[in-house]
Amino acid sequence: MDQETPASDSNSAVGVPVRKTQQVQPWLSLTRNISLPTAAGIYLVFMFLIYWPVFFGLRFFWSDFISQEYPIREFCFYSAGLKHALPFWNPYAWGWEPLLADPQNGFWYPANLLQIALVRFFSPAAVHLPIQVPEITTLLHLPLAALGVFYLLKKEFHVADAVALVAGLTWGFGSRIVAEQNHAVVIIPLALLPWATLLTMRSWSSWKYAIGLGLLLGVG
């Protein structure tokens, strides 16, 4: 499919505009106007196809997730969800360090607070935080990262939708993030990075986006 774009040729003796042709790949034409919900659905399906054993409890995260991330999430659930108290101290590491003062523990991160609320709402009799809850919460940051790159490239850099879709896939499910799946403290900033970049670019022309950027950096 050829798309003609007008251009003036400076080498023309009479200065008559010359029409040049630009080749547009057919596969790009078939993937125009990919909406944000469509891209989100594609990334969610891809995530489930890769990580479905985690969703059904057939595979678990290992290493630091078991020794650090899950114990912290479990203690926060016990303190806030069952005892209705703030988890001031961390009984699992560093000699009872102030849990709330360490940002890598992420107690105030909205997704971590949502875990506690959802388990208490749907399973009020639960005395432990199901391990699939923090695992799935961590995995949901992968399509969030991919969607951020897709939207950033599509809206701010005007990249073709199909190319932006693939770029989001390589970022959200690339080796840099997947290799850190046991470390939510690493995955969360990587997932929020494209959204922070988007808000940074838009904050140059609108103070509302600057406020949104500050809030995003604050919760992340």
N, C-alpha and C. Protein backbone atom coordinates (compact mmCIF):
# COMPACT_ATOMS: atom_id res chain seq x y z
N MET A 1 0.86 -1.19 0.00
CA MET A 1 0.00 0.00 0.00
C MET A 1 0.89 1.23 0.00
N ASP A 2 0.70 2.10 -0.98
CA ASP A 2 1.52 3.29 -1.09
C ASP A 2 0.73 4.50 -0.64
N GLN A 3 1.39 5.32 0.16
CA GLN A 3 0.80 6.57 0.62
C GLN A 3 1.62 7.72 0.09
N GLU A 4 1.00 8.62 -0.68
CA GLU A 4 1.72 9.72 -1.28
C GLU A 4 1.75 10.91 -0.36
N THR A 5 2.93 11.51 -0.22
CA THR A 5 3.08 12.70 0.60
C THR A 5 3.73 13.78 -0.24
N PRO A 6 3.16 14.99 -0.28
CA PRO A 6 3.74 16.05 -1.08
C PRO A 6 5.02 16.57 -0.47
N ALA A 7 5.97 16.92 -1.34
CA ALA A 7 7.24 17.49 -0.88
C ALA A 7 7.79 18.33 -2.02
N SER A 8 8.44 19.43 -1.67
CA SER A 8 9.01 20.29 -2.70
C SER A 8 10.45 19.90 -2.94
N ASP A 9 10.83 19.85 -4.18
CA ASP A 9 12.19 19.48 -4.57
C ASP A 9 13.00 20.75 -4.81
N SER A 10 14.00 21.00 -3.97
CA SER A 10 14.79 22.22 -4.09
C SER A 10 15.67 22.21 -5.33
N ASN A 11 15.91 21.00 -5.89
CA ASN A 11 16.76 20.91 -7.07
C ASN A 11 15.99 21.16 -8.36
N SER A 12 14.66 21.30 -8.25
CA SER A 12 13.87 21.54 -9.45
C SER A 12 14.15 22.95 -9.97
N ALA A 13 14.40 23.04 -11.28
CA ALA A 13 14.76 24.33 -11.87
C ALA A 13 13.61 25.31 -11.82
N VAL A 14 12.40 24.81 -11.93
CA VAL A 14 11.24 25.71 -11.98
C VAL A 14 10.52 25.76 -10.64
N GLY A 15 11.00 25.01 -9.65
CA GLY A 15 10.38 25.04 -8.34
C GLY A 15 9.01 24.39 -8.29
N VAL A 16 8.72 23.45 -9.19
CA VAL A 16 7.42 22.76 -9.21
C VAL A 16 7.45 21.67 -8.15
N PRO A 17 6.43 21.63 -7.27
CA PRO A 17 6.41 20.58 -6.24
C PRO A 17 6.46 19.19 -6.85
N VAL A 18 7.24 18.32 -6.23
CA VAL A 18 7.37 16.94 -6.68
C VAL A 18 6.72 16.04 -5.63
N ARG A 19 5.93 15.08 -6.05
CA ARG A 19 5.25 14.17 -5.13
C ARG A 19 6.09 12.91 -4.96
N LYS A 20 6.44 12.66 -3.72
CA LYS A 20 7.21 11.46 -3.40
C LYS A 20 6.30 10.43 -2.76
N THR A 21 6.64 9.19 -2.86
CA THR A 21 5.84 8.11 -2.29
C THR A 21 6.57 7.50 -1.11
N GLN A 22 5.80 7.11 -0.10
CA GLN A 22 6.35 6.48 1.10
C GLN A 22 5.67 5.14 1.29
N GLN A 23 6.47 4.08 1.40
CA GLN A 23 5.93 2.74 1.53
C GLN A 23 5.43 2.51 2.96
N VAL A 24 4.17 2.09 3.07
CA VAL A 24 3.58 1.76 4.36
C VAL A 24 3.35 0.26 4.41
N GLN A 25 3.91 -0.40 5.43
CA GLN A 25 3.79 -1.84 5.53
C GLN A 25 2.33 -2.26 5.73
N PRO A 26 1.86 -3.28 5.00
CA PRO A 26 0.46 -3.71 5.13
C PRO A 26 0.11 -4.14 6.55
N TRP A 27 1.05 -4.79 7.27
CA TRP A 27 0.72 -5.26 8.61
C TRP A 27 0.53 -4.11 9.59
N LEU A 28 1.16 -2.95 9.28
CA LEU A 28 0.93 -1.79 10.12
C LEU A 28 -0.45 -1.20 9.87
N SER A 29 -0.89 -1.28 8.61
CA SER A 29 -2.21 -0.75 8.28
C SER A 29 -3.31 -1.55 8.94
N LEU A 30 -3.09 -2.86 9.12
CA LEU A 30 -4.11 -3.71 9.72
C LEU A 30 -4.20 -3.54 11.22
N THR A 31 -3.21 -2.92 11.84
CA THR A 31 -3.19 -2.79 13.30
C THR A 31 -3.27 -1.34 13.74
N ARG A 32 -3.90 -0.50 12.93
CA ARG A 32 -4.07 0.88 13.34
C ARG A 32 -5.17 1.00 14.38
N ASN A 33 -5.06 2.07 15.18
CA ASN A 33 -6.10 2.40 16.16
C ASN A 33 -6.33 1.29 17.17
N ILE A 34 -5.25 0.74 17.73
CA ILE A 34 -5.38 -0.21 18.84
C ILE A 34 -5.67 0.60 20.09
N SER A 35 -6.82 0.38 20.68
CA SER A 35 -7.23 1.16 21.84
C SER A 35 -6.48 0.71 23.09
N LEU A 36 -6.53 1.54 24.11
CA LEU A 36 -5.86 1.21 25.38
C LEU A 36 -6.47 -0.04 26.02
N PRO A 37 -7.82 -0.19 26.08
CA PRO A 37 -8.38 -1.43 26.63
C PRO A 37 -7.99 -2.67 25.84
N THR A 38 -7.90 -2.55 24.52
CA THR A 38 -7.49 -3.69 23.71
C THR A 38 -6.06 -4.11 24.02
N ALA A 39 -5.17 -3.13 24.11
CA ALA A 39 -3.78 -3.43 24.45
C ALA A 39 -3.69 -4.05 25.84
N ALA A 40 -4.46 -3.51 26.78
CA ALA A 40 -4.46 -4.06 28.14
C ALA A 40 -4.93 -5.51 28.13
N GLY A 41 -5.97 -5.80 27.35
CA GLY A 41 -6.46 -7.18 27.25
C GLY A 41 -5.42 -8.12 26.68
N ILE A 42 -4.70 -7.66 25.66
CA ILE A 42 -3.65 -8.49 25.05
C ILE A 42 -2.56 -8.79 26.06
N TYR A 43 -2.14 -7.79 26.80
CA TYR A 43 -1.08 -7.99 27.79
C TYR A 43 -1.54 -8.90 28.93
N LEU A 44 -2.78 -8.77 29.34
CA LEU A 44 -3.30 -9.63 30.42
C LEU A 44 -3.38 -11.08 29.97
N VAL A 45 -3.84 -11.30 28.74
CA VAL A 45 -3.91 -12.67 28.21
C VAL A 45 -2.52 -13.27 28.11
N PHE A 46 -1.56 -12.47 27.62
CA PHE A 46 -0.19 -12.96 27.51
C PHE A 46 0.37 -13.31 28.88
N MET A 47 0.10 -12.47 29.88
CA MET A 47 0.57 -12.75 31.24
C MET A 47 -0.02 -14.07 31.75
N PHE A 48 -1.31 -14.28 31.52
CA PHE A 48 -1.94 -15.51 32.02
C PHE A 48 -1.39 -16.74 31.31
N LEU A 49 -1.13 -16.64 30.00
CA LEU A 49 -0.59 -17.78 29.26
C LEU A 49 0.79 -18.18 29.78
N ILE A 50 1.56 -17.21 30.26
CA ILE A 50 2.90 -17.50 30.76
C ILE A 50 2.87 -17.96 32.22
N TYR A 51 2.03 -17.32 33.02
CA TYR A 51 2.09 -17.53 34.47
C TYR A 51 0.86 -18.25 35.03
N TRP A 52 0.10 -18.95 34.20
CA TRP A 52 -1.11 -19.60 34.70
C TRP A 52 -0.83 -20.58 35.85
N PRO A 53 0.32 -21.28 35.91
CA PRO A 53 0.53 -22.16 37.07
C PRO A 53 0.53 -21.41 38.40
N VAL A 54 0.99 -20.16 38.40
CA VAL A 54 0.98 -19.38 39.64
C VAL A 54 -0.45 -19.10 40.08
N PHE A 55 -1.32 -18.79 39.13
CA PHE A 55 -2.70 -18.47 39.45
C PHE A 55 -3.43 -19.68 40.06
N PHE A 56 -3.05 -20.88 39.68
CA PHE A 56 -3.71 -22.09 40.18
C PHE A 56 -2.92 -22.76 41.30
N GLY A 57 -1.91 -22.09 41.80
CA GLY A 57 -1.16 -22.63 42.92
C GLY A 57 -0.27 -23.80 42.58
N LEU A 58 0.09 -23.96 41.32
CA LEU A 58 0.95 -25.06 40.89
C LEU A 58 2.42 -24.68 40.86
N ARG A 59 2.70 -23.41 40.96
CA ARG A 59 4.08 -22.93 40.97
C ARG A 59 4.16 -21.71 41.88
N PHE A 60 5.26 -21.60 42.60
CA PHE A 60 5.40 -20.51 43.56
C PHE A 60 6.70 -19.76 43.31
N PHE A 61 6.69 -18.50 43.71
CA PHE A 61 7.93 -17.74 43.67
C PHE A 61 8.90 -18.31 44.70
N TRP A 62 10.17 -18.02 44.52
CA TRP A 62 11.19 -18.63 45.36
C TRP A 62 12.14 -17.56 45.91
N SER A 63 13.19 -18.03 46.54
CA SER A 63 14.29 -17.18 47.01
C SER A 63 13.78 -16.04 47.91
N ASP A 64 14.12 -14.78 47.57
CA ASP A 64 13.82 -13.64 48.43
C ASP A 64 12.32 -13.44 48.64
N PHE A 65 11.51 -13.91 47.71
CA PHE A 65 10.07 -13.74 47.89
C PHE A 65 9.57 -14.52 49.10
N ILE A 66 10.09 -15.73 49.27
CA ILE A 66 9.68 -16.57 50.40
C ILE A 66 10.32 -16.10 51.70
N SER A 67 11.57 -15.65 51.64
CA SER A 67 12.30 -15.30 52.86
C SER A 67 12.08 -13.87 53.30
N GLN A 68 11.61 -12.99 52.38
CA GLN A 68 11.44 -11.59 52.77
C GLN A 68 10.09 -11.02 52.37
N GLU A 69 9.75 -11.05 51.07
CA GLU A 69 8.55 -10.36 50.59
C GLU A 69 7.28 -10.93 51.22
N TYR A 70 7.10 -12.24 51.15
CA TYR A 70 5.87 -12.81 51.70
C TYR A 70 5.77 -12.67 53.22
N PRO A 71 6.84 -12.93 53.98
CA PRO A 71 6.73 -12.71 55.43
C PRO A 71 6.32 -11.29 55.80
N ILE A 72 6.82 -10.30 55.08
CA ILE A 72 6.43 -8.92 55.37
C ILE A 72 4.96 -8.69 55.05
N ARG A 73 4.52 -9.19 53.87
CA ARG A 73 3.11 -9.03 53.51
C ARG A 73 2.20 -9.77 54.51
N GLU A 74 2.65 -10.92 54.98
CA GLU A 74 1.88 -11.70 55.95
C GLU A 74 1.79 -10.97 57.29
N PHE A 75 2.91 -10.40 57.73
CA PHE A 75 2.90 -9.67 59.00
C PHE A 75 2.04 -8.41 58.91
N CYS A 76 2.09 -7.74 57.76
CA CYS A 76 1.23 -6.56 57.57
C CYS A 76 -0.24 -6.97 57.58
N PHE A 77 -0.55 -8.11 56.98
CA PHE A 77 -1.93 -8.60 57.00
C PHE A 77 -2.36 -8.93 58.43
N TYR A 78 -1.46 -9.56 59.18
CA TYR A 78 -1.78 -9.91 60.57
C TYR A 78 -2.01 -8.66 61.41
N SER A 79 -1.12 -7.68 61.26
CA SER A 79 -1.22 -6.47 62.09
C SER A 79 -2.41 -5.61 61.69
N ALA A 80 -2.48 -5.24 60.40
CA ALA A 80 -3.52 -4.31 59.95
C ALA A 80 -4.86 -5.00 59.74
N GLY A 81 -4.83 -6.22 59.17
CA GLY A 81 -6.08 -6.89 58.83
C GLY A 81 -6.75 -7.58 60.00
N LEU A 82 -5.96 -8.15 60.89
CA LEU A 82 -6.53 -8.92 62.00
C LEU A 82 -6.48 -8.16 63.32
N LYS A 83 -5.38 -7.50 63.61
CA LYS A 83 -5.22 -6.80 64.88
C LYS A 83 -5.58 -5.32 64.79
N HIS A 84 -5.82 -4.83 63.57
CA HIS A 84 -6.19 -3.43 63.35
C HIS A 84 -5.17 -2.47 63.98
N ALA A 85 -3.91 -2.78 63.74
CA ALA A 85 -2.81 -1.96 64.26
C ALA A 85 -1.76 -1.81 63.18
N LEU A 86 -1.00 -0.73 63.25
CA LEU A 86 0.07 -0.52 62.28
C LEU A 86 1.26 -1.41 62.61
N PRO A 87 1.88 -2.01 61.60
CA PRO A 87 3.06 -2.87 61.83
C PRO A 87 4.32 -2.02 61.98
N PHE A 88 4.55 -1.49 63.16
CA PHE A 88 5.65 -0.56 63.35
C PHE A 88 7.01 -1.23 63.21
N TRP A 89 7.12 -2.48 63.64
CA TRP A 89 8.42 -3.12 63.67
C TRP A 89 8.43 -4.37 62.81
N ASN A 90 9.58 -4.67 62.23
CA ASN A 90 9.73 -5.83 61.37
C ASN A 90 10.38 -6.96 62.17
N PRO A 91 9.62 -8.00 62.51
CA PRO A 91 10.18 -9.07 63.34
C PRO A 91 10.99 -10.09 62.56
N TYR A 92 11.08 -9.93 61.23
CA TYR A 92 11.68 -10.97 60.41
C TYR A 92 13.11 -10.66 59.96
N ALA A 93 13.52 -9.40 59.99
CA ALA A 93 14.84 -9.08 59.45
C ALA A 93 15.43 -7.87 60.15
N TRP A 94 16.75 -7.80 60.13
CA TRP A 94 17.49 -6.64 60.61
C TRP A 94 17.16 -6.24 62.05
N GLY A 95 16.95 -7.22 62.89
CA GLY A 95 16.81 -6.97 64.31
C GLY A 95 15.68 -6.00 64.67
N TRP A 96 14.49 -6.29 64.20
CA TRP A 96 13.31 -5.48 64.52
C TRP A 96 13.47 -4.04 64.03
N GLU A 97 13.83 -3.90 62.79
CA GLU A 97 13.93 -2.57 62.19
C GLU A 97 12.55 -1.94 62.12
N PRO A 98 12.45 -0.60 62.07
CA PRO A 98 11.16 0.07 61.90
C PRO A 98 10.57 -0.26 60.52
N LEU A 99 9.55 -1.09 60.49
CA LEU A 99 8.99 -1.56 59.22
C LEU A 99 8.42 -0.41 58.39
N LEU A 100 7.70 0.49 59.04
CA LEU A 100 7.07 1.58 58.32
C LEU A 100 8.08 2.59 57.80
N ALA A 101 9.27 2.65 58.41
CA ALA A 101 10.26 3.62 58.01
C ALA A 101 11.09 3.15 56.82
N ASP A 102 10.97 1.88 56.46
CA ASP A 102 11.75 1.33 55.35
C ASP A 102 10.86 1.29 54.11
N PRO A 103 11.12 2.12 53.11
CA PRO A 103 10.22 2.17 51.95
C PRO A 103 10.17 0.88 51.15
N GLN A 104 11.22 0.05 51.22
CA GLN A 104 11.19 -1.17 50.43
C GLN A 104 10.19 -2.19 50.99
N ASN A 105 9.73 -1.99 52.21
CA ASN A 105 8.69 -2.86 52.75
C ASN A 105 7.32 -2.56 52.15
N GLY A 106 7.13 -1.34 51.69
CA GLY A 106 5.96 -1.00 50.91
C GLY A 106 4.63 -1.14 51.61
N PHE A 107 4.55 -0.86 52.89
CA PHE A 107 3.26 -1.02 53.57
C PHE A 107 2.21 -0.07 53.00
N TRP A 108 2.61 1.18 52.71
CA TRP A 108 1.65 2.19 52.26
C TRP A 108 1.39 2.13 50.76
N TYR A 109 2.06 1.25 50.06
CA TYR A 109 1.81 1.14 48.63
C TYR A 109 0.37 0.69 48.40
N PRO A 110 -0.40 1.40 47.58
CA PRO A 110 -1.85 1.09 47.45
C PRO A 110 -2.14 -0.36 47.10
N ALA A 111 -1.33 -0.97 46.24
CA ALA A 111 -1.58 -2.36 45.87
C ALA A 111 -1.42 -3.30 47.05
N ASN A 112 -0.49 -3.00 47.96
CA ASN A 112 -0.30 -3.83 49.14
C ASN A 112 -1.44 -3.65 50.14
N LEU A 113 -1.91 -2.43 50.30
CA LEU A 113 -3.07 -2.20 51.17
C LEU A 113 -4.31 -2.86 50.59
N LEU A 114 -4.43 -2.84 49.25
CA LEU A 114 -5.58 -3.46 48.60
C LEU A 114 -5.60 -4.97 48.84
N GLN A 115 -4.44 -5.58 48.91
CA GLN A 115 -4.37 -7.02 49.19
C GLN A 115 -5.06 -7.33 50.52
N ILE A 116 -4.73 -6.56 51.53
CA ILE A 116 -5.31 -6.78 52.85
C ILE A 116 -6.82 -6.60 52.82
N ALA A 117 -7.26 -5.53 52.15
CA ALA A 117 -8.70 -5.24 52.11
C ALA A 117 -9.46 -6.32 51.36
N LEU A 118 -8.92 -6.79 50.24
CA LEU A 118 -9.63 -7.79 49.44
C LEU A 118 -9.74 -9.13 50.17
N VAL A 119 -8.66 -9.55 50.82
CA VAL A 119 -8.70 -10.82 51.55
C VAL A 119 -9.68 -10.73 52.71
N ARG A 120 -9.69 -9.61 53.42
CA ARG A 120 -10.62 -9.46 54.54
C ARG A 120 -12.07 -9.40 54.05
N PHE A 121 -12.28 -8.86 52.84
CA PHE A 121 -13.64 -8.75 52.33
C PHE A 121 -14.16 -10.08 51.80
N PHE A 122 -13.33 -10.77 51.01
CA PHE A 122 -13.78 -12.01 50.37
C PHE A 122 -13.57 -13.24 51.24
N SER A 123 -12.66 -13.16 52.20
CA SER A 123 -12.42 -14.30 53.09
C SER A 123 -12.22 -13.79 54.51
N PRO A 124 -13.30 -13.35 55.14
CA PRO A 124 -13.18 -12.75 56.48
C PRO A 124 -12.66 -13.71 57.54
N ALA A 125 -12.74 -15.01 57.29
CA ALA A 125 -12.27 -15.98 58.28
C ALA A 125 -10.80 -16.33 58.11
N ALA A 126 -10.16 -15.78 57.09
CA ALA A 126 -8.75 -16.12 56.84
C ALA A 126 -7.86 -15.57 57.94
N VAL A 127 -6.94 -16.39 58.41
CA VAL A 127 -5.99 -15.98 59.43
C VAL A 127 -4.59 -15.79 58.85
N HIS A 128 -4.42 -16.14 57.58
CA HIS A 128 -3.15 -15.94 56.89
C HIS A 128 -3.43 -15.35 55.51
N LEU A 129 -2.48 -14.62 55.00
CA LEU A 129 -2.58 -14.07 53.66
C LEU A 129 -2.22 -15.16 52.65
N PRO A 130 -3.15 -15.55 51.77
CA PRO A 130 -2.81 -16.57 50.75
C PRO A 130 -1.62 -16.10 49.92
N ILE A 131 -0.68 -17.00 49.70
CA ILE A 131 0.54 -16.60 49.01
C ILE A 131 0.28 -16.18 47.58
N GLN A 132 -0.82 -16.70 46.97
CA GLN A 132 -1.13 -16.30 45.60
C GLN A 132 -1.47 -14.82 45.50
N VAL A 133 -1.94 -14.22 46.59
CA VAL A 133 -2.36 -12.82 46.55
C VAL A 133 -1.17 -11.90 46.28
N PRO A 134 -0.09 -11.93 47.06
CA PRO A 134 1.06 -11.07 46.71
C PRO A 134 1.75 -11.50 45.42
N GLU A 135 1.69 -12.78 45.09
CA GLU A 135 2.30 -13.23 43.83
C GLU A 135 1.56 -12.63 42.63
N ILE A 136 0.23 -12.75 42.63
CA ILE A 136 -0.56 -12.23 41.51
C ILE A 136 -0.47 -10.71 41.47
N THR A 137 -0.45 -10.07 42.63
CA THR A 137 -0.30 -8.62 42.66
C THR A 137 1.00 -8.19 42.00
N THR A 138 2.06 -8.93 42.26
CA THR A 138 3.34 -8.63 41.63
C THR A 138 3.28 -8.85 40.13
N LEU A 139 2.65 -9.93 39.71
CA LEU A 139 2.55 -10.23 38.28
C LEU A 139 1.72 -9.20 37.53
N LEU A 140 0.73 -8.63 38.17
CA LEU A 140 -0.12 -7.64 37.50
C LEU A 140 0.65 -6.37 37.15
N HIS A 141 1.81 -6.19 37.76
CA HIS A 141 2.63 -5.03 37.40
C HIS A 141 3.30 -5.21 36.04
N LEU A 142 3.39 -6.45 35.55
CA LEU A 142 4.00 -6.67 34.24
C LEU A 142 3.15 -6.10 33.11
N PRO A 143 1.84 -6.43 33.03
CA PRO A 143 1.02 -5.77 32.00
C PRO A 143 0.88 -4.27 32.23
N LEU A 144 0.95 -3.83 33.49
CA LEU A 144 0.91 -2.40 33.76
C LEU A 144 2.13 -1.70 33.15
N ALA A 145 3.30 -2.32 33.27
CA ALA A 145 4.51 -1.77 32.66
C ALA A 145 4.40 -1.76 31.14
N ALA A 146 3.91 -2.86 30.58
CA ALA A 146 3.76 -2.95 29.12
C ALA A 146 2.78 -1.91 28.61
N LEU A 147 1.67 -1.74 29.31
CA LEU A 147 0.66 -0.77 28.88
C LEU A 147 1.20 0.65 28.96
N GLY A 148 2.04 0.93 29.94
CA GLY A 148 2.63 2.25 30.06
C GLY A 148 3.50 2.60 28.87
N VAL A 149 4.32 1.65 28.43
CA VAL A 149 5.17 1.89 27.26
C VAL A 149 4.32 2.06 26.01
N PHE A 150 3.30 1.21 25.86
CA PHE A 150 2.41 1.32 24.70
C PHE A 150 1.77 2.70 24.63
N TYR A 151 1.21 3.15 25.74
CA TYR A 151 0.51 4.44 25.75
C TYR A 151 1.48 5.60 25.55
N LEU A 152 2.66 5.50 26.15
CA LEU A 152 3.67 6.56 26.01
C LEU A 152 4.10 6.71 24.56
N LEU A 153 4.41 5.60 23.91
CA LEU A 153 4.86 5.65 22.52
C LEU A 153 3.74 6.08 21.58
N LYS A 154 2.55 5.60 21.84
CA LYS A 154 1.41 5.90 20.96
C LYS A 154 1.01 7.37 21.05
N LYS A 155 0.93 7.91 22.25
CA LYS A 155 0.38 9.24 22.43
C LYS A 155 1.44 10.35 22.37
N GLU A 156 2.62 10.10 22.91
CA GLU A 156 3.61 11.16 22.99
C GLU A 156 4.63 11.13 21.85
N PHE A 157 4.94 9.94 21.35
CA PHE A 157 5.93 9.83 20.28
C PHE A 157 5.31 9.45 18.94
N HIS A 158 3.99 9.22 18.93
CA HIS A 158 3.23 8.95 17.71
C HIS A 158 3.81 7.77 16.93
N VAL A 159 4.20 6.74 17.68
CA VAL A 159 4.69 5.51 17.07
C VAL A 159 3.49 4.69 16.61
N ALA A 160 3.66 3.95 15.51
CA ALA A 160 2.59 3.09 15.01
C ALA A 160 2.09 2.16 16.12
N ASP A 161 0.79 1.93 16.15
CA ASP A 161 0.19 1.16 17.24
C ASP A 161 0.82 -0.23 17.38
N ALA A 162 1.03 -0.91 16.26
CA ALA A 162 1.59 -2.26 16.31
C ALA A 162 3.00 -2.25 16.89
N VAL A 163 3.79 -1.27 16.49
CA VAL A 163 5.16 -1.16 17.01
C VAL A 163 5.15 -0.84 18.50
N ALA A 164 4.25 0.06 18.91
CA ALA A 164 4.12 0.39 20.33
C ALA A 164 3.67 -0.82 21.13
N LEU A 165 2.80 -1.64 20.54
CA LEU A 165 2.32 -2.84 21.22
C LEU A 165 3.46 -3.82 21.47
N VAL A 166 4.30 -4.02 20.47
CA VAL A 166 5.44 -4.93 20.61
C VAL A 166 6.46 -4.36 21.59
N ALA A 167 6.69 -3.05 21.52
CA ALA A 167 7.63 -2.42 22.44
C ALA A 167 7.16 -2.59 23.89
N GLY A 168 5.86 -2.42 24.12
CA GLY A 168 5.33 -2.64 25.46
C GLY A 168 5.53 -4.07 25.92
N LEU A 169 5.37 -5.01 25.00
CA LEU A 169 5.54 -6.43 25.33
C LEU A 169 6.98 -6.72 25.74
N THR A 170 7.93 -6.14 25.00
CA THR A 170 9.34 -6.40 25.32
C THR A 170 9.77 -5.74 26.61
N TRP A 171 9.13 -4.63 26.98
CA TRP A 171 9.47 -3.99 28.25
C TRP A 171 8.78 -4.68 29.42
N GLY A 172 7.48 -4.87 29.32
CA GLY A 172 6.73 -5.44 30.44
C GLY A 172 7.04 -6.89 30.72
N PHE A 173 7.46 -7.64 29.69
CA PHE A 173 7.74 -9.07 29.88
C PHE A 173 9.15 -9.41 29.44
N GLY A 174 10.01 -8.41 29.40
CA GLY A 174 11.40 -8.64 29.02
C GLY A 174 12.21 -9.20 30.17
N SER A 175 13.45 -9.54 29.87
CA SER A 175 14.31 -10.19 30.86
C SER A 175 14.59 -9.30 32.06
N ARG A 176 14.63 -7.97 31.86
CA ARG A 176 14.96 -7.07 32.98
C ARG A 176 13.93 -7.16 34.09
N ILE A 177 12.64 -7.22 33.73
CA ILE A 177 11.60 -7.30 34.74
C ILE A 177 11.37 -8.74 35.20
N VAL A 178 11.30 -9.66 34.26
CA VAL A 178 11.02 -11.05 34.62
C VAL A 178 12.09 -11.62 35.54
N ALA A 179 13.34 -11.19 35.35
CA ALA A 179 14.41 -11.68 36.21
C ALA A 179 14.25 -11.21 37.65
N GLU A 180 13.44 -10.18 37.86
CA GLU A 180 13.23 -9.63 39.20
C GLU A 180 11.85 -9.98 39.76
N GLN A 181 11.22 -11.03 39.24
CA GLN A 181 9.85 -11.31 39.66
C GLN A 181 9.75 -11.64 41.15
N ASN A 182 10.85 -12.01 41.78
CA ASN A 182 10.83 -12.29 43.21
C ASN A 182 11.04 -11.03 44.05
N HIS A 183 11.29 -9.90 43.39
CA HIS A 183 11.59 -8.66 44.11
C HIS A 183 10.59 -7.59 43.70
N ALA A 184 9.50 -7.50 44.43
CA ALA A 184 8.49 -6.51 44.11
C ALA A 184 9.03 -5.09 44.21
N VAL A 185 10.01 -4.89 45.08
CA VAL A 185 10.57 -3.56 45.26
C VAL A 185 11.29 -3.08 44.00
N VAL A 186 11.69 -4.02 43.13
CA VAL A 186 12.31 -3.67 41.86
C VAL A 186 11.26 -3.58 40.75
N ILE A 187 10.32 -4.50 40.74
CA ILE A 187 9.31 -4.55 39.69
C ILE A 187 8.41 -3.32 39.73
N ILE A 188 8.02 -2.87 40.90
CA ILE A 188 7.10 -1.74 41.02
C ILE A 188 7.66 -0.47 40.36
N PRO A 189 8.91 -0.05 40.67
CA PRO A 189 9.43 1.15 39.98
C PRO A 189 9.54 0.97 38.47
N LEU A 190 9.93 -0.23 38.02
CA LEU A 190 10.03 -0.46 36.58
C LEU A 190 8.66 -0.39 35.91
N ALA A 191 7.62 -0.84 36.61
CA ALA A 191 6.28 -0.79 36.06
C ALA A 191 5.74 0.63 36.00
N LEU A 192 6.11 1.45 36.97
CA LEU A 192 5.62 2.83 37.02
C LEU A 192 6.47 3.79 36.19
N LEU A 193 7.67 3.35 35.77
CA LEU A 193 8.58 4.24 35.05
C LEU A 193 7.97 4.83 33.78
N PRO A 194 7.37 4.04 32.89
CA PRO A 194 6.79 4.67 31.68
C PRO A 194 5.66 5.64 31.98
N TRP A 195 4.87 5.35 33.01
CA TRP A 195 3.80 6.28 33.39
C TRP A 195 4.38 7.57 33.96
N ALA A 196 5.47 7.44 34.73
CA ALA A 196 6.12 8.64 35.26
C ALA A 196 6.72 9.47 34.13
N THR A 197 7.27 8.79 33.12
CA THR A 197 7.81 9.51 31.96
C THR A 197 6.71 10.25 31.22
N LEU A 198 5.57 9.60 31.05
CA LEU A 198 4.43 10.23 30.38
C LEU A 198 3.97 11.48 31.13
N LEU A 199 3.84 11.37 32.45
CA LEU A 199 3.40 12.51 33.25
C LEU A 199 4.44 13.62 33.26
N THR A 200 5.72 13.24 33.23
CA THR A 200 6.79 14.25 33.17
C THR A 200 6.69 15.07 31.90
N MET A 201 6.51 14.41 30.78
CA MET A 201 6.41 15.11 29.50
C MET A 201 5.19 16.02 29.45
N ARG A 202 4.08 15.54 29.99
CA ARG A 202 2.87 16.35 29.95
C ARG A 202 2.86 17.45 31.00
N SER A 203 3.64 17.27 32.06
CA SER A 203 3.68 18.30 33.10
C SER A 203 4.37 19.57 32.62
N TRP A 204 5.12 19.50 31.51
CA TRP A 204 5.75 20.71 30.98
C TRP A 204 4.72 21.72 30.50
N SER A 205 3.53 21.23 30.17
CA SER A 205 2.50 22.14 29.66
C SER A 205 1.26 22.22 30.55
N SER A 206 1.22 21.44 31.63
CA SER A 206 0.04 21.46 32.50
C SER A 206 0.45 21.14 33.93
N TRP A 207 0.10 22.00 34.85
CA TRP A 207 0.44 21.78 36.26
C TRP A 207 -0.34 20.60 36.85
N LYS A 208 -1.48 20.25 36.23
CA LYS A 208 -2.26 19.12 36.73
C LYS A 208 -1.47 17.82 36.60
N TYR A 209 -0.77 17.67 35.48
CA TYR A 209 0.05 16.47 35.30
C TYR A 209 1.24 16.48 36.23
N ALA A 210 1.72 17.66 36.59
CA ALA A 210 2.83 17.76 37.55
C ALA A 210 2.38 17.24 38.91
N ILE A 211 1.16 17.57 39.29
CA ILE A 211 0.62 17.05 40.55
C ILE A 211 0.48 15.53 40.48
N GLY A 212 -0.03 15.06 39.33
CA GLY A 212 -0.15 13.62 39.15
C GLY A 212 1.19 12.91 39.21
N LEU A 213 2.22 13.53 38.66
CA LEU A 213 3.56 12.95 38.72
C LEU A 213 4.04 12.87 40.16
N GLY A 214 3.82 13.93 40.92
CA GLY A 214 4.22 13.90 42.32
C GLY A 214 3.52 12.80 43.11
N LEU A 215 2.24 12.63 42.86
CA LEU A 215 1.49 11.57 43.55
C LEU A 215 1.99 10.19 43.15
N LEU A 216 2.27 10.01 41.85
CA LEU A 216 2.75 8.72 41.39
C LEU A 216 4.10 8.38 42.00
N LEU A 217 5.01 9.35 42.02
CA LEU A 217 6.32 9.13 42.62
C LEU A 217 6.21 8.90 44.12
N GLY A 218 5.22 9.53 44.73
CA GLY A 218 5.04 9.36 46.17
C GLY A 218 4.57 7.97 46.55
N VAL A 219 3.62 7.42 45.79
CA VAL A 219 3.08 6.11 46.14
C VAL A 219 3.98 4.99 45.64
N GLY A 220 4.84 5.29 44.62
CA GLY A 220 5.69 4.24 44.07
C GLY A 220 7.00 4.10 44.81
